[in-house]
Amino acid sequence: MGDSASRFRIVTDTVRPAVEADIPAVTRLVHAAYAEHGVVGLNFTAVDQSEATTRLRLSAGESWVIERDGELIATATESIPPGEHIRRLAALAREPRVAWLNQLAVHPSHRGQGLARRLFETVASHAKHQDAQILALDTAAPAAHLRALYERWGFRDGETIHWPGKTYDSVVMSRAL
């Protein structure tokens, strides 16, 4: 029998606020996480966003990353109130006490480990402590697997919106906190 330490490795993930130095790694992370959408014609911003866009998106609210062994493997941003652009498109985003979940991404090689759920729970907890009553997001209507994931977390479909320059409609989804 081999030493159990040689067969098993303890994995420690750190959830922490994103910082300026994370921008290049977050940009690479979202490119990898959203690449599959670009392949099927869904031109999510994250498919090819610049570092300047990453900086802008991270600064839109509170942003977190999950780090494992020095590598950023997941990220999410929460905006309270929701950003100006989504407020122009979605009636719910103009309501008081609404938080918006933005740019949730998990590197493809780390999916299926509960990382997205962990970030969702981090965002939801933070939003509740900021007195938000509703957590909302928007995602591509054709992205059935994403919508199903959010439904498992208690989100329900709301209005349909269309971001300028996108090849798809988006569905606003929300849940009570």
C-alpha atoms as a PDB file:
ATOM      1  CA  MET A   1       0.000   0.000   0.000  1.00  0.00           C
ATOM      2  CA  GLY A   2       1.248   3.422  -0.899  1.00  0.00           C
ATOM      3  CA  ASP A   3       1.297   6.395   1.366  1.00  0.00           C
ATOM      4  CA  SER A   4      -2.112   8.111   1.245  1.00  0.00           C
ATOM      5  CA  ALA A   5      -0.370  11.485   0.979  1.00  0.00           C
ATOM      6  CA  SER A   6       1.054  10.405  -2.367  1.00  0.00           C
ATOM      7  CA  ARG A   7      -2.399   9.479  -3.677  1.00  0.00           C
ATOM      8  CA  PHE A   8      -4.416  12.383  -2.339  1.00  0.00           C
ATOM      9  CA  ARG A   9      -3.776  16.066  -2.444  1.00  0.00           C
ATOM     10  CA  ILE A  10      -5.597  18.517  -0.234  1.00  0.00           C
ATOM     11  CA  VAL A  11      -6.969  21.311  -2.375  1.00  0.00           C
ATOM     12  CA  THR A  12      -7.396  24.685  -0.752  1.00  0.00           C
ATOM     13  CA  ASP A  13      -9.417  27.279  -2.579  1.00  0.00           C
ATOM     14  CA  THR A  14      -9.375  30.882  -1.459  1.00  0.00           C
ATOM     15  CA  VAL A  15     -12.331  33.154  -2.167  1.00  0.00           C
ATOM     16  CA  ARG A  16     -11.093  36.719  -2.021  1.00  0.00           C
ATOM     17  CA  PRO A  17     -11.850  40.162  -3.407  1.00  0.00           C
ATOM     18  CA  ALA A  18     -10.419  40.787  -6.858  1.00  0.00           C
ATOM     19  CA  VAL A  19      -7.594  43.319  -7.007  1.00  0.00           C
ATOM     20  CA  GLU A  20      -6.034  45.370  -9.811  1.00  0.00           C
ATOM     21  CA  ALA A  21      -3.204  42.864 -10.252  1.00  0.00           C
ATOM     22  CA  ASP A  22      -5.795  40.165 -11.088  1.00  0.00           C
ATOM     23  CA  ILE A  23      -6.980  41.878 -14.275  1.00  0.00           C
ATOM     24  CA  PRO A  24      -4.779  39.965 -16.765  1.00  0.00           C
ATOM     25  CA  ALA A  25      -5.593  36.606 -15.139  1.00  0.00           C
ATOM     26  CA  VAL A  26      -9.323  37.391 -14.902  1.00  0.00           C
ATOM     27  CA  THR A  27      -9.310  38.376 -18.576  1.00  0.00           C
ATOM     28  CA  ARG A  28      -7.733  35.040 -19.537  1.00  0.00           C
ATOM     29  CA  LEU A  29     -10.155  33.218 -17.230  1.00  0.00           C
ATOM     30  CA  VAL A  30     -13.297  34.754 -18.740  1.00  0.00           C
ATOM     31  CA  HIS A  31     -11.969  34.173 -22.267  1.00  0.00           C
ATOM     32  CA  ALA A  32     -11.560  30.466 -21.456  1.00  0.00           C
ATOM     33  CA  ALA A  33     -14.873  30.211 -19.613  1.00  0.00           C
ATOM     34  CA  TYR A  34     -16.925  31.886 -22.334  1.00  0.00           C
ATOM     35  CA  ALA A  35     -15.112  30.499 -25.413  1.00  0.00           C
ATOM     36  CA  GLU A  36     -17.697  27.746 -25.903  1.00  0.00           C
ATOM     37  CA  HIS A  37     -20.394  30.397 -26.317  1.00  0.00           C
ATOM     38  CA  GLY A  38     -18.451  32.203 -29.014  1.00  0.00           C
ATOM     39  CA  VAL A  39     -18.043  28.956 -30.953  1.00  0.00           C
ATOM     40  CA  VAL A  40     -21.845  28.654 -31.253  1.00  0.00           C
ATOM     41  CA  GLY A  41     -22.285  32.298 -32.232  1.00  0.00           C
ATOM     42  CA  LEU A  42     -23.159  33.832 -28.862  1.00  0.00           C
ATOM     43  CA  ASN A  43     -20.954  36.904 -28.720  1.00  0.00           C
ATOM     44  CA  PHE A  44     -20.839  37.351 -24.952  1.00  0.00           C
ATOM     45  CA  THR A  45     -18.599  40.298 -24.082  1.00  0.00           C
ATOM     46  CA  ALA A  46     -16.372  37.956 -22.067  1.00  0.00           C
ATOM     47  CA  VAL A  47     -15.505  35.901 -25.167  1.00  0.00           C
ATOM     48  CA  ASP A  48     -12.913  38.446 -26.243  1.00  0.00           C
ATOM     49  CA  GLN A  49     -12.995  41.388 -23.844  1.00  0.00           C
ATOM     50  CA  SER A  50      -9.897  43.513 -23.395  1.00  0.00           C
ATOM     51  CA  GLU A  51      -8.134  44.053 -20.089  1.00  0.00           C
ATOM     52  CA  ALA A  52      -9.631  47.558 -20.061  1.00  0.00           C
ATOM     53  CA  THR A  53     -13.112  46.021 -20.255  1.00  0.00           C
ATOM     54  CA  THR A  54     -12.229  43.567 -17.483  1.00  0.00           C
ATOM     55  CA  ARG A  55     -11.080  46.490 -15.330  1.00  0.00           C
ATOM     56  CA  LEU A  56     -14.335  48.342 -16.016  1.00  0.00           C
ATOM     57  CA  ARG A  57     -16.479  45.291 -15.293  1.00  0.00           C
ATOM     58  CA  LEU A  58     -14.635  44.432 -12.067  1.00  0.00           C
ATOM     59  CA  SER A  59     -14.962  48.015 -10.858  1.00  0.00           C
ATOM     60  CA  ALA A  60     -18.734  47.972 -11.437  1.00  0.00           C
ATOM     61  CA  GLY A  61     -19.261  46.626  -7.928  1.00  0.00           C
ATOM     62  CA  GLU A  62     -17.799  44.053  -5.575  1.00  0.00           C
ATOM     63  CA  SER A  63     -15.784  41.392  -7.375  1.00  0.00           C
ATOM     64  CA  TRP A  64     -14.439  38.101  -6.105  1.00  0.00           C
ATOM     65  CA  VAL A  65     -12.105  35.447  -7.421  1.00  0.00           C
ATOM     66  CA  ILE A  66     -11.393  31.902  -6.369  1.00  0.00           C
ATOM     67  CA  GLU A  67      -7.704  31.123  -6.297  1.00  0.00           C
ATOM     68  CA  ARG A  68      -6.195  27.638  -6.189  1.00  0.00           C
ATOM     69  CA  ASP A  69      -2.454  27.053  -6.051  1.00  0.00           C
ATOM     70  CA  GLY A  70      -1.818  30.605  -7.269  1.00  0.00           C
ATOM     71  CA  GLU A  71      -4.186  30.282 -10.248  1.00  0.00           C
ATOM     72  CA  LEU A  72      -7.451  32.206 -10.614  1.00  0.00           C
ATOM     73  CA  ILE A  73     -10.087  29.623 -11.493  1.00  0.00           C
ATOM     74  CA  ALA A  74     -13.396  31.474 -11.003  1.00  0.00           C
ATOM     75  CA  THR A  75     -14.780  34.994 -10.710  1.00  0.00           C
ATOM     76  CA  ALA A  76     -18.006  36.927 -10.188  1.00  0.00           C
ATOM     77  CA  THR A  77     -19.050  40.543  -9.722  1.00  0.00           C
ATOM     78  CA  GLU A  78     -22.044  41.983  -7.883  1.00  0.00           C
ATOM     79  CA  SER A  79     -23.422  45.454  -8.530  1.00  0.00           C
ATOM     80  CA  ILE A  80     -25.667  47.305  -6.082  1.00  0.00           C
ATOM     81  CA  PRO A  81     -27.368  49.169  -7.630  1.00  0.00           C
ATOM     82  CA  PRO A  82     -27.143  47.447 -10.992  1.00  0.00           C
ATOM     83  CA  GLY A  83     -25.000  49.206 -13.585  1.00  0.00           C
ATOM     84  CA  GLU A  84     -26.218  52.050 -15.744  1.00  0.00           C
ATOM     85  CA  HIS A  85     -26.372  49.997 -18.962  1.00  0.00           C
ATOM     86  CA  ILE A  86     -28.565  47.231 -17.512  1.00  0.00           C
ATOM     87  CA  ARG A  87     -30.791  49.861 -15.854  1.00  0.00           C
ATOM     88  CA  ARG A  88     -31.491  51.262 -19.331  1.00  0.00           C
ATOM     89  CA  LEU A  89     -32.553  47.838 -20.604  1.00  0.00           C
ATOM     90  CA  ALA A  90     -34.276  46.059 -17.707  1.00  0.00           C
ATOM     91  CA  ALA A  91     -37.119  47.414 -15.598  1.00  0.00           C
ATOM     92  CA  LEU A  92     -36.121  45.194 -12.661  1.00  0.00           C
ATOM     93  CA  ALA A  93     -32.664  46.790 -12.593  1.00  0.00           C
ATOM     94  CA  ARG A  94     -34.289  50.153 -11.874  1.00  0.00           C
ATOM     95  CA  GLU A  95     -36.124  48.855  -8.811  1.00  0.00           C
ATOM     96  CA  PRO A  96     -34.763  49.605  -5.325  1.00  0.00           C
ATOM     97  CA  ARG A  97     -32.893  46.981  -3.320  1.00  0.00           C
ATOM     98  CA  VAL A  98     -31.846  44.926  -6.337  1.00  0.00           C
ATOM     99  CA  ALA A  99     -28.362  43.449  -6.675  1.00  0.00           C
ATOM    100  CA  TRP A 100     -27.014  42.220 -10.027  1.00  0.00           C
ATOM    101  CA  LEU A 101     -24.785  39.175 -10.512  1.00  0.00           C
ATOM    102  CA  ASN A 102     -22.337  39.862 -13.349  1.00  0.00           C
ATOM    103  CA  GLN A 103     -19.713  37.908 -15.254  1.00  0.00           C
ATOM    104  CA  LEU A 104     -19.834  34.664 -13.292  1.00  0.00           C
ATOM    105  CA  ALA A 105     -17.111  32.482 -14.787  1.00  0.00           C
ATOM    106  CA  VAL A 106     -15.404  29.204 -13.912  1.00  0.00           C
ATOM    107  CA  HIS A 107     -12.423  27.946 -15.902  1.00  0.00           C
ATOM    108  CA  PRO A 108     -13.559  24.921 -17.953  1.00  0.00           C
ATOM    109  CA  SER A 109     -10.972  22.616 -16.356  1.00  0.00           C
ATOM    110  CA  HIS A 110     -12.430  23.350 -12.908  1.00  0.00           C
ATOM    111  CA  ARG A 111     -16.150  22.993 -13.608  1.00  0.00           C
ATOM    112  CA  GLY A 112     -18.300  20.559 -11.687  1.00  0.00           C
ATOM    113  CA  GLN A 113     -16.601  21.321  -8.366  1.00  0.00           C
ATOM    114  CA  GLY A 114     -19.218  23.689  -6.929  1.00  0.00           C
ATOM    115  CA  LEU A 115     -17.143  26.814  -7.586  1.00  0.00           C
ATOM    116  CA  ALA A 116     -19.911  28.735  -9.363  1.00  0.00           C
ATOM    117  CA  ARG A 117     -22.280  27.877  -6.527  1.00  0.00           C
ATOM    118  CA  ARG A 118     -19.703  29.055  -3.992  1.00  0.00           C
ATOM    119  CA  LEU A 119     -19.386  32.415  -5.759  1.00  0.00           C
ATOM    120  CA  PHE A 120     -23.168  32.698  -6.090  1.00  0.00           C
ATOM    121  CA  GLU A 121     -23.496  32.122  -2.335  1.00  0.00           C
ATOM    122  CA  THR A 122     -20.774  34.718  -1.668  1.00  0.00           C
ATOM    123  CA  VAL A 123     -22.587  37.268  -3.833  1.00  0.00           C
ATOM    124  CA  ALA A 124     -26.001  36.464  -2.314  1.00  0.00           C
ATOM    125  CA  SER A 125     -24.679  36.754   1.244  1.00  0.00           C
ATOM    126  CA  HIS A 126     -22.970  40.059   0.501  1.00  0.00           C
ATOM    127  CA  ALA A 127     -26.091  41.404  -1.216  1.00  0.00           C
ATOM    128  CA  LYS A 128     -28.257  40.486   1.791  1.00  0.00           C
ATOM    129  CA  HIS A 129     -25.834  42.305   4.097  1.00  0.00           C
ATOM    130  CA  GLN A 130     -26.196  45.344   1.823  1.00  0.00           C
ATOM    131  CA  ASP A 131     -30.006  45.157   2.321  1.00  0.00           C
ATOM    132  CA  ALA A 132     -30.765  43.936  -1.189  1.00  0.00           C
ATOM    133  CA  GLN A 133     -33.996  41.969  -1.409  1.00  0.00           C
ATOM    134  CA  ILE A 134     -33.593  40.608  -4.935  1.00  0.00           C
ATOM    135  CA  LEU A 135     -30.608  39.150  -6.745  1.00  0.00           C
ATOM    136  CA  ALA A 136     -30.878  39.293 -10.529  1.00  0.00           C
ATOM    137  CA  LEU A 137     -28.771  38.505 -13.568  1.00  0.00           C
ATOM    138  CA  ASP A 138     -29.108  38.415 -17.313  1.00  0.00           C
ATOM    139  CA  THR A 139     -27.922  35.683 -19.628  1.00  0.00           C
ATOM    140  CA  ALA A 140     -28.301  34.673 -23.244  1.00  0.00           C
ATOM    141  CA  ALA A 141     -31.755  33.214 -23.865  1.00  0.00           C
ATOM    142  CA  PRO A 142     -30.287  30.391 -26.017  1.00  0.00           C
ATOM    143  CA  ALA A 143     -27.823  29.359 -23.254  1.00  0.00           C
ATOM    144  CA  ALA A 144     -30.123  26.648 -21.873  1.00  0.00           C
ATOM    145  CA  HIS A 145     -27.440  25.077 -19.660  1.00  0.00           C
ATOM    146  CA  LEU A 146     -26.764  28.408 -17.916  1.00  0.00           C
ATOM    147  CA  ARG A 147     -30.456  29.105 -17.447  1.00  0.00           C
ATOM    148  CA  ALA A 148     -30.947  25.611 -15.985  1.00  0.00           C
ATOM    149  CA  LEU A 149     -28.087  26.190 -13.532  1.00  0.00           C
ATOM    150  CA  TYR A 150     -29.578  29.480 -12.375  1.00  0.00           C
ATOM    151  CA  GLU A 151     -33.015  27.865 -12.053  1.00  0.00           C
ATOM    152  CA  ARG A 152     -31.506  25.234  -9.726  1.00  0.00           C
ATOM    153  CA  TRP A 153     -30.293  28.140  -7.580  1.00  0.00           C
ATOM    154  CA  GLY A 154     -33.834  29.531  -7.375  1.00  0.00           C
ATOM    155  CA  PHE A 155     -33.744  32.105 -10.180  1.00  0.00           C
ATOM    156  CA  ARG A 156     -36.835  32.502 -12.357  1.00  0.00           C
ATOM    157  CA  ASP A 157     -37.199  33.962 -15.844  1.00  0.00           C
ATOM    158  CA  GLY A 158     -38.389  37.532 -16.170  1.00  0.00           C
ATOM    159  CA  GLU A 159     -38.270  40.018 -18.994  1.00  0.00           C
ATOM    160  CA  THR A 160     -36.371  39.599 -22.241  1.00  0.00           C
ATOM    161  CA  ILE A 161     -33.881  42.296 -23.225  1.00  0.00           C
ATOM    162  CA  HIS A 162     -31.463  42.847 -26.075  1.00  0.00           C
ATOM    163  CA  TRP A 163     -27.975  44.241 -25.547  1.00  0.00           C
ATOM    164  CA  PRO A 164     -26.786  46.428 -28.446  1.00  0.00           C
ATOM    165  CA  GLY A 165     -24.430  44.540 -30.751  1.00  0.00           C
ATOM    166  CA  LYS A 166     -25.311  41.081 -29.437  1.00  0.00           C
ATOM    167  CA  THR A 167     -26.474  38.217 -31.647  1.00  0.00           C
ATOM    168  CA  TYR A 168     -29.024  36.982 -29.110  1.00  0.00           C
ATOM    169  CA  ASP A 169     -31.727  38.132 -26.726  1.00  0.00           C
ATOM    170  CA  SER A 170     -31.021  37.914 -23.006  1.00  0.00           C
ATOM    171  CA  VAL A 171     -33.350  36.775 -20.262  1.00  0.00           C
ATOM    172  CA  VAL A 172     -33.407  38.613 -16.947  1.00  0.00           C
ATOM    173  CA  MET A 173     -33.603  36.087 -14.119  1.00  0.00           C
ATOM    174  CA  SER A 174     -34.155  36.896 -10.461  1.00  0.00           C
ATOM    175  CA  ARG A 175     -34.695  35.408  -7.029  1.00  0.00           C
ATOM    176  CA  ALA A 176     -35.556  36.696  -3.605  1.00  0.00           C
ATOM    177  CA  LEU A 177     -32.766  36.929  -1.043  1.00  0.00           C
END
